[in-house]
């Protein structure tokens, strides 16, 4: 029996499996969860890297001095491992230049500098009936929306889905496990917008043609679980509660916790018939497909003892 056949046999029995090792750090999420998700204030100048993901940078299609609107395409994808960049707000293109980018040390990257006008005017969004679209058409809309994995690795979501379709997927796992002791962004998202996360999961399942879809989340996220159970009442997506343990939210660890299978060191999850997408990615897919919104934001936890009011910002 090959690994894919084995995964199909195991995946039918939905239960949490033991993962060996790991730790149980003190949970320090409560302070950032006291508030609802808040919108981040728009600064006077936005620095938009043309490379916000793994792969190749996008190519600018605007010029200095152009007036742009929120959601407008600013840079087009070039190649399969490239993601388009859209305007997070309305304003004027102030420059297209090299600028320092967080996480890249002293190395600068090509960026678009957008001077916000404070009005936040947006383009009209197209809202076609996504239920009439094929999985390939849905995939192209995910690509056009500029979505990359929001768990941290930043791999272009459309390319990951495309590869999964070609390999054949039995199980889609929506990763809602957030095992780091401080971060609560996904928990806040699911607590407040569970229905949209479930909708995104259903769309992702339609795109990758997976037989089953499971949302996996730790059992101590009580408010998020309550909202998920309500949102899943009329859905074929399943819910699996996992023990609270670090690093159960890692891709290979969550696959083992859900299926009992280990991804070989020289293989990818899709090699054993599994695809993992983050809860934030599912939410972004929902926004892109059902509301026509490109990906211009994410939810991020700002917390720690120096902050008087830790919370999650969009």
Protein backbone atom coordinates (compact mmCIF):
# COMPACT_ATOMS: atom_id res chain seq x y z
CA UNK A 1 0.00 0.00 0.00
CA UNK A 2 1.49 3.36 -1.01
CA UNK A 3 1.38 6.42 1.24
CA UNK A 4 -1.53 8.05 -0.60
CA UNK A 5 -3.67 4.91 -0.28
CA UNK A 6 -2.68 4.66 3.36
CA UNK A 7 -3.67 8.28 3.97
CA UNK A 8 -7.10 7.64 2.50
CA UNK A 9 -7.63 4.74 4.88
CA UNK A 10 -6.53 6.76 7.92
CA UNK A 11 -8.28 10.03 7.02
CA UNK A 12 -11.76 8.42 7.20
CA UNK A 13 -11.35 7.98 10.95
CA UNK A 14 -11.38 11.56 12.18
CA UNK A 15 -9.69 11.79 15.54
CA UNK A 16 -6.75 13.57 17.08
CA UNK A 17 -3.52 11.55 16.91
CA UNK A 18 -0.60 11.84 19.29
CA UNK A 19 2.49 13.72 18.20
CA UNK A 20 5.68 12.94 20.08
CA UNK A 21 7.78 15.61 21.72
CA UNK A 22 6.74 19.23 21.98
CA UNK A 23 6.13 21.44 25.02
CA UNK A 24 3.23 23.16 26.74
CA UNK A 25 4.29 26.79 27.23
CA UNK A 26 2.32 29.18 29.41
CA UNK A 27 -0.53 30.68 27.36
CA UNK A 28 -0.28 34.49 27.25
CA UNK A 29 -3.05 35.26 24.76
CA UNK A 30 -5.78 36.55 27.08
CA UNK A 31 -4.68 40.21 27.08
CA UNK A 32 -4.73 40.55 23.27
CA UNK A 33 -8.14 38.82 23.10
CA UNK A 34 -9.91 41.24 25.46
CA UNK A 35 -10.59 43.56 22.50
CA UNK A 36 -12.21 42.89 19.16
CA UNK A 37 -10.11 43.08 16.00
CA UNK A 38 -9.39 46.74 15.33
CA UNK A 39 -8.61 48.44 12.02
CA UNK A 40 -5.06 49.73 11.81
CA UNK A 41 -4.83 53.49 11.19
CA UNK A 42 -3.69 54.46 7.71
CA UNK A 43 -0.34 56.30 7.75
CA UNK A 44 0.51 59.20 5.46
CA UNK A 45 2.92 57.03 3.46
CA UNK A 46 2.69 53.32 2.69
CA UNK A 47 5.74 51.35 1.55
CA UNK A 48 4.57 48.41 -0.57
CA UNK A 49 7.28 45.83 -1.36
CA UNK A 50 6.93 44.25 -4.79
CA UNK A 51 8.08 40.98 -3.22
CA UNK A 52 5.74 40.11 -0.36
CA UNK A 53 6.02 36.36 -0.77
CA UNK A 54 8.26 33.50 -1.89
CA UNK A 55 9.15 33.72 -5.57
CA UNK A 56 9.59 36.62 -7.99
CA UNK A 57 8.64 40.27 -7.40
CA UNK A 58 5.63 41.77 -9.13
CA UNK A 59 6.13 44.33 -11.92
CA UNK A 60 4.74 47.87 -11.42
CA UNK A 61 2.02 48.94 -13.87
CA UNK A 62 1.65 52.46 -12.40
CA UNK A 63 3.84 55.53 -12.65
CA UNK A 64 4.97 58.18 -10.20
CA UNK A 65 2.25 60.80 -9.85
CA UNK A 66 -0.65 58.46 -10.69
CA UNK A 67 -3.77 58.77 -8.55
CA UNK A 68 -4.96 55.33 -7.46
CA UNK A 69 -7.92 53.88 -5.61
CA UNK A 70 -8.19 51.24 -2.92
CA UNK A 71 -8.05 47.67 -4.36
CA UNK A 72 -6.55 48.95 -7.65
CA UNK A 73 -3.86 46.74 -9.20
CA UNK A 74 -0.46 48.42 -8.78
CA UNK A 75 1.92 45.64 -9.84
CA UNK A 76 1.23 42.55 -11.94
CA UNK A 77 2.51 39.04 -11.25
CA UNK A 78 5.43 37.93 -13.41
CA UNK A 79 5.74 34.16 -13.60
CA UNK A 80 4.12 31.32 -11.63
CA UNK A 81 5.79 32.20 -8.31
CA UNK A 82 4.75 35.83 -8.34
CA UNK A 83 1.84 37.60 -6.66
CA UNK A 84 0.17 40.86 -7.76
CA UNK A 85 0.12 43.88 -5.44
CA UNK A 86 -2.97 46.05 -4.92
CA UNK A 87 -3.48 49.45 -3.31
CA UNK A 88 -4.44 49.23 0.39
CA UNK A 89 -6.01 52.71 0.19
CA UNK A 90 -6.46 55.62 -2.20
CA UNK A 91 -3.77 58.20 -2.87
CA UNK A 92 -0.85 59.16 -5.10
CA UNK A 93 2.12 57.10 -6.24
CA UNK A 94 4.96 59.04 -4.65
CA UNK A 95 7.90 56.90 -5.84
CA UNK A 96 8.96 53.52 -7.18
CA UNK A 97 12.33 52.94 -5.56
CA UNK A 98 14.49 50.70 -3.40
CA UNK A 99 13.60 50.83 0.30
CA UNK A 100 14.48 48.86 3.44
CA UNK A 101 11.93 46.15 4.25
CA UNK A 102 11.43 44.54 7.69
CA UNK A 103 12.81 41.03 7.89
CA UNK A 104 15.48 41.56 5.24
CA UNK A 105 18.21 43.17 7.33
CA UNK A 106 20.04 45.98 5.57
CA UNK A 107 19.09 44.73 2.11
CA UNK A 108 16.66 47.02 0.28
CA UNK A 109 13.90 45.88 -2.04
CA UNK A 110 12.02 47.49 -4.90
CA UNK A 111 8.91 49.14 -3.47
CA UNK A 112 6.02 51.35 -4.44
CA UNK A 113 5.55 54.35 -2.14
CA UNK A 114 1.89 55.34 -1.87
CA UNK A 115 1.01 58.70 -0.30
CA UNK A 116 -2.43 58.18 1.25
CA UNK A 117 -5.06 60.87 0.71
CA UNK A 118 -7.03 59.93 3.83
CA UNK A 119 -10.25 59.44 1.84
CA UNK A 120 -9.96 55.67 1.28
CA UNK A 121 -11.97 55.71 -1.95
CA UNK A 122 -12.24 52.28 -3.59
CA UNK A 123 -12.79 50.91 -7.07
CA UNK A 124 -16.06 49.15 -7.85
CA UNK A 125 -15.74 45.43 -7.10
CA UNK A 126 -17.11 42.73 -9.39
CA UNK A 127 -19.35 40.22 -7.63
CA UNK A 128 -20.08 37.31 -9.99
CA UNK A 129 -21.89 34.21 -8.76
CA UNK A 130 -18.89 32.11 -7.75
CA UNK A 131 -21.04 28.98 -7.58
CA UNK A 132 -21.20 28.98 -11.38
CA UNK A 133 -17.40 29.05 -11.76
CA UNK A 134 -15.23 26.01 -12.42
CA UNK A 135 -12.39 25.15 -10.05
CA UNK A 136 -9.92 26.50 -12.62
CA UNK A 137 -11.80 29.82 -12.80
CA UNK A 138 -11.85 30.02 -9.01
CA UNK A 139 -8.12 29.31 -8.99
CA UNK A 140 -7.47 32.19 -11.38
CA UNK A 141 -9.46 34.53 -9.15
CA UNK A 142 -7.36 33.50 -6.15
CA UNK A 143 -4.26 34.23 -8.23
CA UNK A 144 -5.58 37.63 -9.36
CA UNK A 145 -6.41 38.56 -5.76
CA UNK A 146 -2.73 38.39 -4.79
CA UNK A 147 -3.16 35.86 -2.00
CA UNK A 148 -0.12 34.17 -0.51
CA UNK A 149 -0.09 31.86 2.50
CA UNK A 150 -0.88 33.92 5.60
CA UNK A 151 0.64 31.48 8.08
CA UNK A 152 4.09 33.00 7.60
CA UNK A 153 5.87 31.21 4.75
CA UNK A 154 4.21 33.41 2.13
CA UNK A 155 4.07 30.81 -0.66
CA UNK A 156 1.70 31.92 -3.48
CA UNK A 157 -1.63 30.27 -2.69
CA UNK A 158 -2.73 29.76 -6.29
CA UNK A 159 0.48 27.90 -7.14
CA UNK A 160 0.13 25.67 -4.09
CA UNK A 161 -3.45 24.87 -5.11
CA UNK A 162 -2.43 24.24 -8.72
CA UNK A 163 0.24 21.74 -7.68
CA UNK A 164 -2.23 20.02 -5.38
CA UNK A 165 -4.77 19.60 -8.17
CA UNK A 166 -2.11 18.00 -10.36
CA UNK A 167 -1.02 15.59 -7.60
CA UNK A 168 -4.50 14.70 -6.35
CA UNK A 169 -5.63 15.58 -2.84
CA UNK A 170 -7.66 13.45 -0.46
CA UNK A 171 -7.71 15.74 2.57
CA UNK A 172 -7.65 19.54 2.97
CA UNK A 173 -6.70 20.73 6.46
CA UNK A 174 -7.54 24.29 7.48
CA UNK A 175 -4.98 25.08 10.15
CA UNK A 176 -6.57 27.00 13.01
CA UNK A 177 -4.03 25.79 15.57
CA UNK A 178 -2.06 28.73 16.93
CA UNK A 179 0.37 27.21 19.39
CA UNK A 180 2.74 30.14 19.98
CA UNK A 181 2.13 31.48 23.50
CA UNK A 182 1.45 35.11 22.57
CA UNK A 183 -0.05 35.14 19.05
CA UNK A 184 -3.86 35.17 18.87
CA UNK A 185 -4.61 36.50 15.37
CA UNK A 186 -6.23 33.33 14.01
CA UNK A 187 -8.19 32.77 17.21
CA UNK A 188 -9.55 36.32 17.02
CA UNK A 189 -10.37 35.86 13.34
CA UNK A 190 -12.30 32.63 13.92
CA UNK A 191 -14.02 34.02 17.03
CA UNK A 192 -15.35 37.01 15.07
CA UNK A 193 -15.61 35.76 11.48
CA UNK A 194 -16.04 31.99 11.65
CA UNK A 195 -18.68 31.89 8.90
CA UNK A 196 -16.28 33.55 6.42
CA UNK A 197 -13.48 31.13 7.38
CA UNK A 198 -15.82 28.18 6.77
CA UNK A 199 -16.90 29.69 3.44
CA UNK A 200 -13.26 30.06 2.43
CA UNK A 201 -12.59 26.46 3.44
CA UNK A 202 -15.45 25.26 1.24
CA UNK A 203 -14.15 27.28 -1.69
CA UNK A 204 -10.62 25.95 -1.21
CA UNK A 205 -12.00 22.41 -1.14
CA UNK A 206 -13.87 23.08 -4.40
CA UNK A 207 -10.69 24.37 -6.01
CA UNK A 208 -8.31 21.59 -4.97
CA UNK A 209 -10.96 18.85 -5.44
CA UNK A 210 -10.24 17.32 -2.02
CA UNK A 211 -12.65 14.61 -0.90
CA UNK A 212 -12.72 15.93 2.66
CA UNK A 213 -11.99 19.16 4.49
CA UNK A 214 -11.18 19.45 8.20
CA UNK A 215 -10.74 22.58 10.29
CA UNK A 216 -8.25 21.70 13.05
CA UNK A 217 -8.07 23.92 16.12
CA UNK A 218 -6.84 23.53 19.68
CA UNK A 219 -9.42 22.50 22.27
CA UNK A 220 -8.73 25.45 24.60
CA UNK A 221 -10.02 28.04 22.09
CA UNK A 222 -13.54 27.94 23.55
CA UNK A 223 -15.08 31.07 21.96
CA UNK A 224 -13.64 30.26 18.53
CA UNK A 225 -14.88 26.65 18.79
CA UNK A 226 -18.37 27.82 19.71
CA UNK A 227 -18.55 30.04 16.63
CA UNK A 228 -17.12 27.32 14.40
CA UNK A 229 -19.64 24.74 15.54
CA UNK A 230 -22.46 27.16 14.75
CA UNK A 231 -21.04 28.01 11.31
CA UNK A 232 -20.47 24.34 10.42
CA UNK A 233 -24.04 23.21 11.13
CA UNK A 234 -24.98 23.13 7.43
CA UNK A 235 -21.49 22.48 6.02
CA UNK A 236 -19.73 19.27 4.99
CA UNK A 237 -16.50 20.67 6.45
CA UNK A 238 -15.54 18.77 9.60
CA UNK A 239 -14.12 20.06 12.89
CA UNK A 240 -11.32 18.41 14.85
CA UNK A 241 -10.20 19.59 18.27
CA UNK A 242 -6.51 19.10 19.00
CA UNK A 243 -4.62 19.06 22.30
CA UNK A 244 -2.90 22.32 23.22
CA UNK A 245 0.75 21.67 22.55
CA UNK A 246 3.65 23.43 20.84
CA UNK A 247 4.44 23.04 17.90
CA UNK A 248 1.17 21.35 16.86
CA UNK A 249 0.43 24.30 14.54
CA UNK A 250 3.41 23.47 12.32
CA UNK A 251 2.43 22.03 8.93
CA UNK A 252 3.96 18.59 9.40
CA UNK A 253 2.88 18.39 13.03
CA UNK A 254 -0.75 19.21 12.30
CA UNK A 255 -0.83 16.64 9.50
CA UNK A 256 0.40 14.01 11.93
CA UNK A 257 -2.11 15.14 14.58
CA UNK A 258 -5.03 14.93 12.13
CA UNK A 259 -4.09 11.84 10.09
CA UNK A 260 -1.56 9.91 12.15
CA UNK A 261 0.84 10.07 9.19
CA UNK A 262 4.30 11.61 9.04
CA UNK A 263 5.37 13.52 5.94
CA UNK A 264 8.71 12.01 4.82
CA UNK A 265 11.67 14.37 5.23
CA UNK A 266 12.21 14.51 1.46
CA UNK A 267 8.53 14.89 0.53
CA UNK A 268 5.70 17.44 0.57
CA UNK A 269 2.28 17.05 2.23
CA UNK A 270 0.66 16.66 -1.19
CA UNK A 271 2.83 13.57 -1.75
CA UNK A 272 0.68 11.80 0.85
CA UNK A 273 -2.56 13.34 -0.40
CA UNK A 274 -2.84 16.22 2.08
CA UNK A 275 -3.01 19.99 1.60
CA UNK A 276 -2.76 22.46 4.51
CA UNK A 277 -4.03 26.03 4.34
CA UNK A 278 -4.08 28.56 7.18
CA UNK A 279 -7.36 29.91 8.58
CA UNK A 280 -6.29 33.42 7.56
CA UNK A 281 -5.72 32.22 4.01
CA UNK A 282 -9.19 30.68 3.95
CA UNK A 283 -10.64 34.01 5.07
CA UNK A 284 -8.72 35.86 2.33
CA UNK A 285 -10.06 33.39 -0.26
CA UNK A 286 -13.61 34.01 0.96
CA UNK A 287 -13.15 37.77 0.56
CA UNK A 288 -11.63 37.37 -2.89
CA UNK A 289 -14.22 34.99 -4.31
CA UNK A 290 -17.46 36.12 -2.66
CA UNK A 291 -16.77 39.85 -2.31
CA UNK A 292 -14.25 40.47 -5.10
CA UNK A 293 -11.69 41.93 -2.69
CA UNK A 294 -7.98 41.45 -3.42
CA UNK A 295 -5.73 40.67 -0.47
CA UNK A 296 -4.57 44.01 0.97
CA UNK A 297 -4.51 43.22 4.69
CA UNK A 298 -4.04 40.57 7.33
CA UNK A 299 -4.71 40.28 11.05
CA UNK A 300 -1.66 40.68 13.29
CA UNK A 301 -1.24 40.42 17.06
CA UNK A 302 0.45 43.32 18.84
CA UNK A 303 1.11 42.27 22.40
CA UNK A 304 3.65 42.11 25.21
CA UNK A 305 4.17 43.75 28.59
CA UNK A 306 5.30 47.17 27.19
CA UNK A 307 1.84 47.64 25.60
CA UNK A 308 -0.99 49.01 27.72
CA UNK A 309 -3.71 47.66 25.39
CA UNK A 310 -2.53 44.59 23.44
CA UNK A 311 -4.92 43.59 20.67
CA UNK A 312 -5.24 42.25 17.16
CA UNK A 313 -5.18 44.71 14.29
CA UNK A 314 -6.30 44.31 10.68
